[in-house]
Amino acid sequence: MAIKRYRADADTTIVNAFQPGLKTRGTGANMGEADVSEVFSIYGRETTSSQELSRILTKFPISTISTDRTAGRIPASGSVSFYLRLFSAEHSKTVPRDYTLVAQPVSQSWQEGVGLDLEGYKDLTKGNTGANWMSASNTTAWTTVGGDYVPESICPASVQSFSTGLEDLEINITQMVEDWITGSAGKKFDNYGVGVRLSSSYEAYFSSSTGQNSGSLIDNVNGATKSYYTKRFFARGTQFFFKRPVIEARWNSTVKDDRGDFYYSSSLAPAADNLNVIYLYNYVRGRLTNIPGPDTGAILVSLYSGSSDNSAPSGSKLVLYDGNTNITGGYKSTGIYTASMAITATVSPIATLYDVWHSGSTEYFTGSITPIVLKPAQTVATPTYYMNITNLKGKYRDNETARFNLYIRNKNWSPTIYTVANSTPESTTIVSASYRVFRTMDAFEAIPYGTSSDLYTQLSYDESGNYFDFDMNLLQPGYTYAFKFAFYDTALVSWVEQPPVFKFRVEDYEH
């Protein structure tokens, strides 16, 4: 599992725009219960220099993210990226083009409120709960009209440019979230949510005679003298499950264990492809546990050839390509250790290698490896695959995380009677494979392929084949979904989606 979503627990829109009639500004209005939020800037509607602005405030359960990190459900700082995601809401008004939005942490607490009116701005707080353009709550005014934000010297703002104006907002706010997790104890800042607005050069121009903000107007001498009206996003109150504001945690949790796909070094392959990585998984009573000796430090691995009946390691340690007999392995995560190695085949390659994991004279584990000798081909391979999720169930609860085992073999494999009767079916490991999830009734893409820098939907593999973990909480219960897979084709230098579709249903755990 390499993706988790944390849904907003408060949001609202604040404005200094005019109510209908252009006489009174809606600075006291609250939109905390509206099912959409919006950002806009209007220049010159009342006078040639009048300014009307709208900004979004959104807050997320950072304590839940912190708890998940402590429990090991998301990685430590530096190994995970966090993205603020707001989803575009279609509407009948003019959509701005070619502009930039800014996401910046809010520096004081605010109230969500219960206002609904995004048109006439008539849901005024008037002492009731709810933030507005002038006040963070019914008891506390903003220090600066339009909201108080953490200075960029402490936390740089995150930005995204829009061209058509129809795009979703997807901004990397990793540093912001990490600072929220650190909180006041680390002399950073507490979680009061994030403000989303047009960058200052796109918010409307206004020049105050004092050089300071004037009433509800922001002094912005470098602002725009054209309007950007209006960009709307779905708010947390929307009925559309997949359109609610989220912080999305993404990380690469891929395990690439070459034990079942281990190659002897060859002059046919570049140096990187001659390296094999093998893993040790230390399960104690069903859970991964650090080995007391190495703990989170180094561990040694030695390779041996087999005994006369090829059932156990025998003889002396094999000498590796670099002249050493010990490989220094390392700690991957709780109870998991890895070692990288390359070994050259002899004139008669050894059928089975044995890897012994040890520290000094203490041996922890002995495994076996069946190496493959790399051979060139006479034709260009154009493989097609047979695929099956061997443990797929028809239904899953929305509060469970499931592991899916993917069996893959070349579709043109032609076993003999002997191989069918005496061996398990031949399987193929796909080094670069990714999944996506879509809702079957309307083909809505719930989880797209994560094939960019974070690789958050990439499949792992070990000697049993490819697999991945998936958190069903990412999906709305009560619907049928399907997995699709894509494999990276090095010849085409692109991802190729495979034909099979694997369907399953998600049910509400509480019902």
Foldseek 3Di string as FASTA:
>chain_A
DFKDKWFWPWKWKAKQDAFPPRPHGLQQFIAGQAQKAKWKWAAQPPHLGDIITMKMWTFTDLVVVLVCPVVVVHDDPPFKWKKWWFAFDDDDDDAFFWFKKKKFAAADAAFSDDGRDPHRSPRGCCLNFGDYQFDRTSVGGAPAGRGHGDDCVQPNIWMDTGGPRNGIGITTRSVVSVLCSCDVVVPHGHGRTMMMYTPLQAGGADDDPVNQADDNRGHRNNHDSHIRDITMTGDQNDPDPLRYIIIMMGADPAAAACQQPQAADDPVDPPVVQKGKHKFADDDPRDFAADVPQRQFKKKKFKAAADPVRPHGDDDTDQAPVRDGIFIWGHDDRRMIMTMGHHHADPDGGQKMKMWIGDVPGTDDIDIGGYDYDDDDDDDDDFAKDKDFPPDDQEDELQDKDKTFMFIDTPPDDDDPVCVVPHDDDTDAFSWKFKWKAFPVVRHTLGDTPPPDRRRGTWYAHSRYTMDMDRSNSDDAPTKMWMWMWGQDPVVRGTHTHPDIGMHHYHHPVD
